[in-house]
Amino acid sequence: MKKILIALSVFIMVACGDSKPKYKSYTPVDKYNMLVKVAEEKDEKLKAEIQENIKNLKKAVEKNDEKARQELTEWQGLLLTVDVDIEG
């Protein structure tokens, strides 16, 4: 009985633990290069990846994730400098 209780406790702690963020972090240079590639080459796969990442960042910001807020701010700043239509 004691082993079952310990196993159940461990399972609950793992299940309730902090999970990894679902968004990807990129360097500012990588972000800029990705946006330029989408703008110049019309890379739809990359555009979809960026849109999904921005959507996940917005969800994380709603949960008060400060790192996600910084990432999203960087993306938004770069979107103002590169002429590309990306909505997340």
PDB file of N, CA and C in Angstrom:
ATOM      1  N   MET A   1       0.825  -1.188   0.000  1.00  0.00           N
ATOM      2  CA  MET A   1       0.000   0.000   0.000  1.00  0.00           C
ATOM      3  C   MET A   1       0.875   1.260   0.000  1.00  0.00           C
ATOM      4  N   LYS A   2       1.958   1.209   0.770  1.00  0.00           N
ATOM      5  CA  LYS A   2       2.847   2.361   0.867  1.00  0.00           C
ATOM      6  C   LYS A   2       3.512   2.640  -0.481  1.00  0.00           C
ATOM      7  N   LYS A   3       3.890   1.580  -1.202  1.00  0.00           N
ATOM      8  CA  LYS A   3       4.517   1.737  -2.517  1.00  0.00           C
ATOM      9  C   LYS A   3       3.544   2.364  -3.512  1.00  0.00           C
ATOM     10  N   ILE A   4       2.296   1.969  -3.438  1.00  0.00           N
ATOM     11  CA  ILE A   4       1.283   2.526  -4.334  1.00  0.00           C
ATOM     12  C   ILE A   4       1.101   4.017  -4.049  1.00  0.00           C
ATOM     13  N   LEU A   5       1.065   4.372  -2.788  1.00  0.00           N
ATOM     14  CA  LEU A   5       0.911   5.770  -2.398  1.00  0.00           C
ATOM     15  C   LEU A   5       2.100   6.610  -2.874  1.00  0.00           C
ATOM     16  N   ILE A   6       3.306   6.080  -2.743  1.00  0.00           N
ATOM     17  CA  ILE A   6       4.504   6.787  -3.202  1.00  0.00           C
ATOM     18  C   ILE A   6       4.478   6.931  -4.721  1.00  0.00           C
ATOM     19  N   ALA A   7       4.145   5.848  -5.414  1.00  0.00           N
ATOM     20  CA  ALA A   7       4.087   5.890  -6.876  1.00  0.00           C
ATOM     21  C   ALA A   7       3.040   6.897  -7.351  1.00  0.00           C
ATOM     22  N   LEU A   8       1.907   6.910  -6.707  1.00  0.00           N
ATOM     23  CA  LEU A   8       0.849   7.853  -7.060  1.00  0.00           C
ATOM     24  C   LEU A   8       1.289   9.296  -6.797  1.00  0.00           C
ATOM     25  N   SER A   9       1.976   9.518  -5.705  1.00  0.00           N
ATOM     26  CA  SER A   9       2.481  10.863  -5.390  1.00  0.00           C
ATOM     27  C   SER A   9       3.479  11.334  -6.439  1.00  0.00           C
ATOM     28  N   VAL A  10       4.386  10.452  -6.837  1.00  0.00           N
ATOM     29  CA  VAL A  10       5.375  10.800  -7.859  1.00  0.00           C
ATOM     30  C   VAL A  10       4.677  11.098  -9.178  1.00  0.00           C
ATOM     31  N   PHE A  11       3.705  10.289  -9.537  1.00  0.00           N
ATOM     32  CA  PHE A  11       2.965  10.499 -10.778  1.00  0.00           C
ATOM     33  C   PHE A  11       2.270  11.855 -10.777  1.00  0.00           C
ATOM     34  N   ILE A  12       1.646  12.204  -9.688  1.00  0.00           N
ATOM     35  CA  ILE A  12       0.939  13.488  -9.596  1.00  0.00           C
ATOM     36  C   ILE A  12       1.922  14.649  -9.691  1.00  0.00           C
ATOM     37  N   MET A  13       3.079  14.530  -9.042  1.00  0.00           N
ATOM     38  CA  MET A  13       4.073  15.605  -9.106  1.00  0.00           C
ATOM     39  C   MET A  13       4.593  15.786 -10.525  1.00  0.00           C
ATOM     40  N   VAL A  14       4.802  14.689 -11.229  1.00  0.00           N
ATOM     41  CA  VAL A  14       5.280  14.775 -12.610  1.00  0.00           C
ATOM     42  C   VAL A  14       4.192  15.353 -13.507  1.00  0.00           C
ATOM     43  N   ALA A  15       2.974  14.917 -13.324  1.00  0.00           N
ATOM     44  CA  ALA A  15       1.870  15.385 -14.161  1.00  0.00           C
ATOM     45  C   ALA A  15       1.581  16.868 -13.942  1.00  0.00           C
ATOM     46  N   CYS A  16       1.753  17.352 -12.746  1.00  0.00           N
ATOM     47  CA  CYS A  16       1.458  18.748 -12.437  1.00  0.00           C
ATOM     48  C   CYS A  16       2.675  19.655 -12.572  1.00  0.00           C
ATOM     49  N   GLY A  17       3.804  19.092 -12.920  1.00  0.00           N
ATOM     50  CA  GLY A  17       5.030  19.877 -13.013  1.00  0.00           C
ATOM     51  C   GLY A  17       4.994  20.873 -14.153  1.00  0.00           C
ATOM     52  N   ASP A  18       5.949  21.775 -14.115  1.00  0.00           N
ATOM     53  CA  ASP A  18       6.069  22.795 -15.152  1.00  0.00           C
ATOM     54  C   ASP A  18       6.495  22.132 -16.452  1.00  0.00           C
ATOM     55  N   SER A  19       5.739  22.335 -17.496  1.00  0.00           N
ATOM     56  CA  SER A  19       6.105  21.764 -18.786  1.00  0.00           C
ATOM     57  C   SER A  19       6.895  22.790 -19.579  1.00  0.00           C
ATOM     58  N   LYS A  20       7.572  22.323 -20.604  1.00  0.00           N
ATOM     59  CA  LYS A  20       8.341  23.221 -21.458  1.00  0.00           C
ATOM     60  C   LYS A  20       7.392  24.139 -22.220  1.00  0.00           C
ATOM     61  N   PRO A  21       7.857  25.339 -22.527  1.00  0.00           N
ATOM     62  CA  PRO A  21       7.004  26.216 -23.339  1.00  0.00           C
ATOM     63  C   PRO A  21       6.820  25.631 -24.730  1.00  0.00           C
ATOM     64  N   LYS A  22       5.679  25.911 -25.327  1.00  0.00           N
ATOM     65  CA  LYS A  22       5.381  25.354 -26.642  1.00  0.00           C
ATOM     66  C   LYS A  22       5.892  26.234 -27.763  1.00  0.00           C
ATOM     67  N   TYR A  23       6.426  27.393 -27.417  1.00  0.00           N
ATOM     68  CA  TYR A  23       6.964  28.274 -28.441  1.00  0.00           C
ATOM     69  C   TYR A  23       8.466  28.037 -28.592  1.00  0.00           C
ATOM     70  N   LYS A  24       9.005  28.466 -29.722  1.00  0.00           N
ATOM     71  CA  LYS A  24      10.438  28.329 -29.974  1.00  0.00           C
ATOM     72  C   LYS A  24      11.106  29.684 -29.810  1.00  0.00           C
ATOM     73  N   SER A  25      12.297  29.664 -29.251  1.00  0.00           N
ATOM     74  CA  SER A  25      13.078  30.891 -29.108  1.00  0.00           C
ATOM     75  C   SER A  25      14.109  30.957 -30.225  1.00  0.00           C
ATOM     76  N   TYR A  26      14.213  32.107 -30.838  1.00  0.00           N
ATOM     77  CA  TYR A  26      15.191  32.339 -31.895  1.00  0.00           C
ATOM     78  C   TYR A  26      15.997  33.581 -31.543  1.00  0.00           C
ATOM     79  N   THR A  27      17.203  33.677 -32.102  1.00  0.00           N
ATOM     80  CA  THR A  27      17.978  34.905 -31.926  1.00  0.00           C
ATOM     81  C   THR A  27      17.345  35.986 -32.793  1.00  0.00           C
ATOM     82  N   PRO A  28      17.576  37.251 -32.467  1.00  0.00           N
ATOM     83  CA  PRO A  28      17.024  38.324 -33.303  1.00  0.00           C
ATOM     84  C   PRO A  28      17.475  38.231 -34.764  1.00  0.00           C
ATOM     85  N   VAL A  29      18.718  37.814 -34.987  1.00  0.00           N
ATOM     86  CA  VAL A  29      19.217  37.681 -36.362  1.00  0.00           C
ATOM     87  C   VAL A  29      18.469  36.574 -37.094  1.00  0.00           C
ATOM     88  N   ASP A  30      18.231  35.454 -36.417  1.00  0.00           N
ATOM     89  CA  ASP A  30      17.477  34.358 -37.031  1.00  0.00           C
ATOM     90  C   ASP A  30      16.050  34.793 -37.357  1.00  0.00           C
ATOM     91  N   LYS A  31      15.436  35.525 -36.450  1.00  0.00           N
ATOM     92  CA  LYS A  31      14.075  36.018 -36.691  1.00  0.00           C
ATOM     93  C   LYS A  31      14.045  36.907 -37.928  1.00  0.00           C
ATOM     94  N   TYR A  32      14.998  37.823 -37.997  1.00  0.00           N
ATOM     95  CA  TYR A  32      15.065  38.737 -39.143  1.00  0.00           C
ATOM     96  C   TYR A  32      15.267  37.955 -40.440  1.00  0.00           C
ATOM     97  N   ASN A  33      16.205  37.009 -40.432  1.00  0.00           N
ATOM     98  CA  ASN A  33      16.473  36.210 -41.633  1.00  0.00           C
ATOM     99  C   ASN A  33      15.256  35.390 -42.052  1.00  0.00           C
ATOM    100  N   MET A  34      14.519  34.874 -41.077  1.00  0.00           N
ATOM    101  CA  MET A  34      13.311  34.111 -41.396  1.00  0.00           C
ATOM    102  C   MET A  34      12.283  35.012 -42.077  1.00  0.00           C
ATOM    103  N   LEU A  35      12.094  36.209 -41.548  1.00  0.00           N
ATOM    104  CA  LEU A  35      11.119  37.134 -42.131  1.00  0.00           C
ATOM    105  C   LEU A  35      11.532  37.570 -43.530  1.00  0.00           C
ATOM    106  N   VAL A  36      12.823  37.815 -43.729  1.00  0.00           N
ATOM    107  CA  VAL A  36      13.309  38.202 -45.057  1.00  0.00           C
ATOM    108  C   VAL A  36      13.086  37.065 -46.044  1.00  0.00           C
ATOM    109  N   LYS A  37      13.341  35.836 -45.606  1.00  0.00           N
ATOM    110  CA  LYS A  37      13.136  34.682 -46.491  1.00  0.00           C
ATOM    111  C   LYS A  37      11.661  34.558 -46.883  1.00  0.00           C
ATOM    112  N   VAL A  38      10.769  34.757 -45.935  1.00  0.00           N
ATOM    113  CA  VAL A  38       9.334  34.694 -46.240  1.00  0.00           C
ATOM    114  C   VAL A  38       8.962  35.807 -47.212  1.00  0.00           C
ATOM    115  N   ALA A  39       9.503  37.001 -46.990  1.00  0.00           N
ATOM    116  CA  ALA A  39       9.175  38.146 -47.850  1.00  0.00           C
ATOM    117  C   ALA A  39       9.707  37.962 -49.262  1.00  0.00           C
ATOM    118  N   GLU A  40      10.934  37.471 -49.391  1.00  0.00           N
ATOM    119  CA  GLU A  40      11.563  37.375 -50.707  1.00  0.00           C
ATOM    120  C   GLU A  40      11.175  36.110 -51.467  1.00  0.00           C
ATOM    121  N   GLU A  41      11.094  34.997 -50.755  1.00  0.00           N
ATOM    122  CA  GLU A  41      10.887  33.708 -51.426  1.00  0.00           C
ATOM    123  C   GLU A  41       9.469  33.172 -51.296  1.00  0.00           C
ATOM    124  N   LYS A  42       8.623  33.878 -50.567  1.00  0.00           N
ATOM    125  CA  LYS A  42       7.231  33.439 -50.351  1.00  0.00           C
ATOM    126  C   LYS A  42       7.183  32.009 -49.801  1.00  0.00           C
ATOM    127  N   ASP A  43       8.029  31.722 -48.817  1.00  0.00           N
ATOM    128  CA  ASP A  43       8.128  30.398 -48.202  1.00  0.00           C
ATOM    129  C   ASP A  43       6.926  30.182 -47.272  1.00  0.00           C
ATOM    130  N   GLU A  44       5.917  29.493 -47.774  1.00  0.00           N
ATOM    131  CA  GLU A  44       4.668  29.300 -47.021  1.00  0.00           C
ATOM    132  C   GLU A  44       4.861  28.410 -45.794  1.00  0.00           C
ATOM    133  N   LYS A  45       5.745  27.426 -45.891  1.00  0.00           N
ATOM    134  CA  LYS A  45       5.985  26.530 -44.755  1.00  0.00           C
ATOM    135  C   LYS A  45       6.606  27.314 -43.597  1.00  0.00           C
ATOM    136  N   LEU A  46       7.586  28.141 -43.907  1.00  0.00           N
ATOM    137  CA  LEU A  46       8.232  28.960 -42.886  1.00  0.00           C
ATOM    138  C   LEU A  46       7.254  29.995 -42.330  1.00  0.00           C
ATOM    139  N   LYS A  47       6.432  30.552 -43.194  1.00  0.00           N
ATOM    140  CA  LYS A  47       5.423  31.522 -42.754  1.00  0.00           C
ATOM    141  C   LYS A  47       4.459  30.872 -41.764  1.00  0.00           C
ATOM    142  N   ALA A  48       4.036  29.649 -42.065  1.00  0.00           N
ATOM    143  CA  ALA A  48       3.129  28.930 -41.169  1.00  0.00           C
ATOM    144  C   ALA A  48       3.808  28.638 -39.829  1.00  0.00           C
ATOM    145  N   GLU A  49       5.098  28.309 -39.869  1.00  0.00           N
ATOM    146  CA  GLU A  49       5.845  28.043 -38.636  1.00  0.00           C
ATOM    147  C   GLU A  49       5.928  29.305 -37.772  1.00  0.00           C
ATOM    148  N   ILE A  50       6.195  30.434 -38.406  1.00  0.00           N
ATOM    149  CA  ILE A  50       6.276  31.703 -37.676  1.00  0.00           C
ATOM    150  C   ILE A  50       4.912  32.057 -37.087  1.00  0.00           C
ATOM    151  N   GLN A  51       3.853  31.885 -37.871  1.00  0.00           N
ATOM    152  CA  GLN A  51       2.502  32.187 -37.383  1.00  0.00           C
ATOM    153  C   GLN A  51       2.155  31.328 -36.173  1.00  0.00           C
ATOM    154  N   GLU A  52       2.485  30.046 -36.236  1.00  0.00           N
ATOM    155  CA  GLU A  52       2.198  29.133 -35.128  1.00  0.00           C
ATOM    156  C   GLU A  52       2.993  29.538 -33.885  1.00  0.00           C
ATOM    157  N   ASN A  53       4.255  29.898 -34.092  1.00  0.00           N
ATOM    158  CA  ASN A  53       5.091  30.304 -32.966  1.00  0.00           C
ATOM    159  C   ASN A  53       4.554  31.579 -32.312  1.00  0.00           C
ATOM    160  N   ILE A  54       4.140  32.539 -33.118  1.00  0.00           N
ATOM    161  CA  ILE A  54       3.594  33.789 -32.572  1.00  0.00           C
ATOM    162  C   ILE A  54       2.289  33.515 -31.821  1.00  0.00           C
ATOM    163  N   LYS A  55       1.481  32.613 -32.353  1.00  0.00           N
ATOM    164  CA  LYS A  55       0.234  32.245 -31.674  1.00  0.00           C
ATOM    165  C   LYS A  55       0.534  31.619 -30.306  1.00  0.00           C
ATOM    166  N   ASN A  56       1.531  30.733 -30.256  1.00  0.00           N
ATOM    167  CA  ASN A  56       1.914  30.104 -28.991  1.00  0.00           C
ATOM    168  C   ASN A  56       2.520  31.118 -28.020  1.00  0.00           C
ATOM    169  N   LEU A  57       3.261  32.079 -28.555  1.00  0.00           N
ATOM    170  CA  LEU A  57       3.812  33.140 -27.709  1.00  0.00           C
ATOM    171  C   LEU A  57       2.694  33.960 -27.078  1.00  0.00           C
ATOM    172  N   LYS A  58       1.671  34.276 -27.859  1.00  0.00           N
ATOM    173  CA  LYS A  58       0.549  35.055 -27.331  1.00  0.00           C
ATOM    174  C   LYS A  58      -0.161  34.300 -26.211  1.00  0.00           C
ATOM    175  N   LYS A  59      -0.303  32.986 -26.373  1.00  0.00           N
ATOM    176  CA  LYS A  59      -0.924  32.173 -25.320  1.00  0.00           C
ATOM    177  C   LYS A  59      -0.070  32.194 -24.053  1.00  0.00           C
ATOM    178  N   ALA A  60       1.243  32.093 -24.233  1.00  0.00           N
ATOM    179  CA  ALA A  60       2.146  32.107 -23.080  1.00  0.00           C
ATOM    180  C   ALA A  60       2.129  33.466 -22.382  1.00  0.00           C
ATOM    181  N   VAL A  61       2.016  34.533 -23.151  1.00  0.00           N
ATOM    182  CA  VAL A  61       1.951  35.879 -22.567  1.00  0.00           C
ATOM    183  C   VAL A  61       0.687  36.023 -21.722  1.00  0.00           C
ATOM    184  N   GLU A  62      -0.403  35.420 -22.178  1.00  0.00           N
ATOM    185  CA  GLU A  62      -1.645  35.457 -21.402  1.00  0.00           C
ATOM    186  C   GLU A  62      -1.475  34.779 -20.050  1.00  0.00           C
ATOM    187  N   LYS A  63      -0.521  33.838 -19.976  1.00  0.00           N
ATOM    188  CA  LYS A  63      -0.239  33.135 -18.719  1.00  0.00           C
ATOM    189  C   LYS A  63       0.894  33.816 -17.953  1.00  0.00           C
ATOM    190  N   ASN A  64       1.197  35.063 -18.322  1.00  0.00           N
ATOM    191  CA  ASN A  64       2.207  35.889 -17.651  1.00  0.00           C
ATOM    192  C   ASN A  64       3.621  35.322 -17.748  1.00  0.00           C
ATOM    193  N   ASP A  65       3.974  34.750 -18.883  1.00  0.00           N
ATOM    194  CA  ASP A  65       5.331  34.268 -19.138  1.00  0.00           C
ATOM    195  C   ASP A  65       6.168  35.447 -19.638  1.00  0.00           C
ATOM    196  N   GLU A  66       7.098  35.894 -18.807  1.00  0.00           N
ATOM    197  CA  GLU A  66       7.881  37.093 -19.131  1.00  0.00           C
ATOM    198  C   GLU A  66       8.809  36.860 -20.321  1.00  0.00           C
ATOM    199  N   LYS A  67       9.385  35.664 -20.425  1.00  0.00           N
ATOM    200  CA  LYS A  67      10.269  35.365 -21.560  1.00  0.00           C
ATOM    201  C   LYS A  67       9.473  35.391 -22.866  1.00  0.00           C
ATOM    202  N   ALA A  68       8.270  34.861 -22.828  1.00  0.00           N
ATOM    203  CA  ALA A  68       7.411  34.875 -24.016  1.00  0.00           C
ATOM    204  C   ALA A  68       7.060  36.308 -24.396  1.00  0.00           C
ATOM    205  N   ARG A  69       6.855  37.159 -23.410  1.00  0.00           N
ATOM    206  CA  ARG A  69       6.547  38.565 -23.673  1.00  0.00           C
ATOM    207  C   ARG A  69       7.713  39.232 -24.411  1.00  0.00           C
ATOM    208  N   GLN A  70       8.940  38.930 -23.992  1.00  0.00           N
ATOM    209  CA  GLN A  70      10.120  39.491 -24.656  1.00  0.00           C
ATOM    210  C   GLN A  70      10.232  38.977 -26.089  1.00  0.00           C
ATOM    211  N   GLU A  71      10.025  37.672 -26.261  1.00  0.00           N
ATOM    212  CA  GLU A  71      10.094  37.079 -27.602  1.00  0.00           C
ATOM    213  C   GLU A  71       9.057  37.711 -28.527  1.00  0.00           C
ATOM    214  N   LEU A  72       7.835  37.841 -28.032  1.00  0.00           N
ATOM    215  CA  LEU A  72       6.752  38.407 -28.835  1.00  0.00           C
ATOM    216  C   LEU A  72       7.047  39.861 -29.194  1.00  0.00           C
ATOM    217  N   THR A  73       7.600  40.607 -28.261  1.00  0.00           N
ATOM    218  CA  THR A  73       7.962  42.001 -28.532  1.00  0.00           C
ATOM    219  C   THR A  73       9.017  42.082 -29.630  1.00  0.00           C
ATOM    220  N   GLU A  74       9.996  41.170 -29.594  1.00  0.00           N
ATOM    221  CA  GLU A  74      11.022  41.143 -30.643  1.00  0.00           C
ATOM    222  C   GLU A  74      10.400  40.843 -32.000  1.00  0.00           C
ATOM    223  N   TRP A  75       9.509  39.849 -32.036  1.00  0.00           N
ATOM    224  CA  TRP A  75       8.843  39.511 -33.301  1.00  0.00           C
ATOM    225  C   TRP A  75       8.063  40.715 -33.822  1.00  0.00           C
ATOM    226  N   GLN A  76       7.310  41.361 -32.952  1.00  0.00           N
ATOM    227  CA  GLN A  76       6.485  42.492 -33.375  1.00  0.00           C
ATOM    228  C   GLN A  76       7.344  43.640 -33.889  1.00  0.00           C
ATOM    229  N   GLY A  77       8.480  43.876 -33.245  1.00  0.00           N
ATOM    230  CA  GLY A  77       9.387  44.917 -33.712  1.00  0.00           C
ATOM    231  C   GLY A  77       9.951  44.601 -35.086  1.00  0.00           C
ATOM    232  N   LEU A  78      10.328  43.353 -35.300  1.00  0.00           N
ATOM    233  CA  LEU A  78      10.871  42.957 -36.600  1.00  0.00           C
ATOM    234  C   LEU A  78       9.802  42.980 -37.684  1.00  0.00           C
ATOM    235  N   LEU A  79       8.575  42.648 -37.325  1.00  0.00           N
ATOM    236  CA  LEU A  79       7.494  42.675 -38.312  1.00  0.00           C
ATOM    237  C   LEU A  79       7.240  44.089 -38.821  1.00  0.00           C
ATOM    238  N   LEU A  80       7.590  45.088 -38.016  1.00  0.00           N
ATOM    239  CA  LEU A  80       7.442  46.478 -38.449  1.00  0.00           C
ATOM    240  C   LEU A  80       8.538  46.886 -39.432  1.00  0.00           C
ATOM    241  N   THR A  81       9.696  46.212 -39.370  1.00  0.00           N
ATOM    242  CA  THR A  81      10.825  46.595 -40.222  1.00  0.00           C
ATOM    243  C   THR A  81      10.887  45.818 -41.525  1.00  0.00           C
ATOM    244  N   VAL A  82      10.294  44.636 -41.573  1.00  0.00           N
ATOM    245  CA  VAL A  82      10.320  43.802 -42.776  1.00  0.00           C
ATOM    246  C   VAL A  82       8.934  43.816 -43.396  1.00  0.00           C
ATOM    247  N   ASP A  83       8.876  44.062 -44.689  1.00  0.00           N
ATOM    248  CA  ASP A  83       7.593  44.139 -45.395  1.00  0.00           C
ATOM    249  C   ASP A  83       7.088  42.729 -45.709  1.00  0.00           C
ATOM    250  N   VAL A  84       6.438  42.129 -44.721  1.00  0.00           N
ATOM    251  CA  VAL A  84       5.880  40.786 -44.883  1.00  0.00           C
ATOM    252  C   VAL A  84       4.584  40.724 -44.079  1.00  0.00           C
ATOM    253  N   ASP A  85       3.608  39.997 -44.613  1.00  0.00           N
ATOM    254  CA  ASP A  85       2.305  39.888 -43.962  1.00  0.00           C
ATOM    255  C   ASP A  85       2.240  38.585 -43.177  1.00  0.00           C
ATOM    256  N   ILE A  86       2.429  38.681 -41.874  1.00  0.00           N
ATOM    257  CA  ILE A  86       2.343  37.510 -41.002  1.00  0.00           C
ATOM    258  C   ILE A  86       1.425  37.870 -39.855  1.00  0.00           C
ATOM    259  N   GLU A  87       0.400  37.064 -39.681  1.00  0.00           N
ATOM    260  CA  GLU A  87      -0.519  37.259 -38.567  1.00  0.00           C
ATOM    261  C   GLU A  87      -0.485  36.014 -37.718  1.00  0.00           C
ATOM    262  N   GLY A  88      -0.326  36.177 -36.422  1.00  0.00           N
ATOM    263  CA  GLY A  88      -0.245  35.040 -35.517  1.00  0.00           C
ATOM    264  C   GLY A  88      -1.469  34.859 -34.701  1.00  0.00           C
TER     265      GLY A  88
END
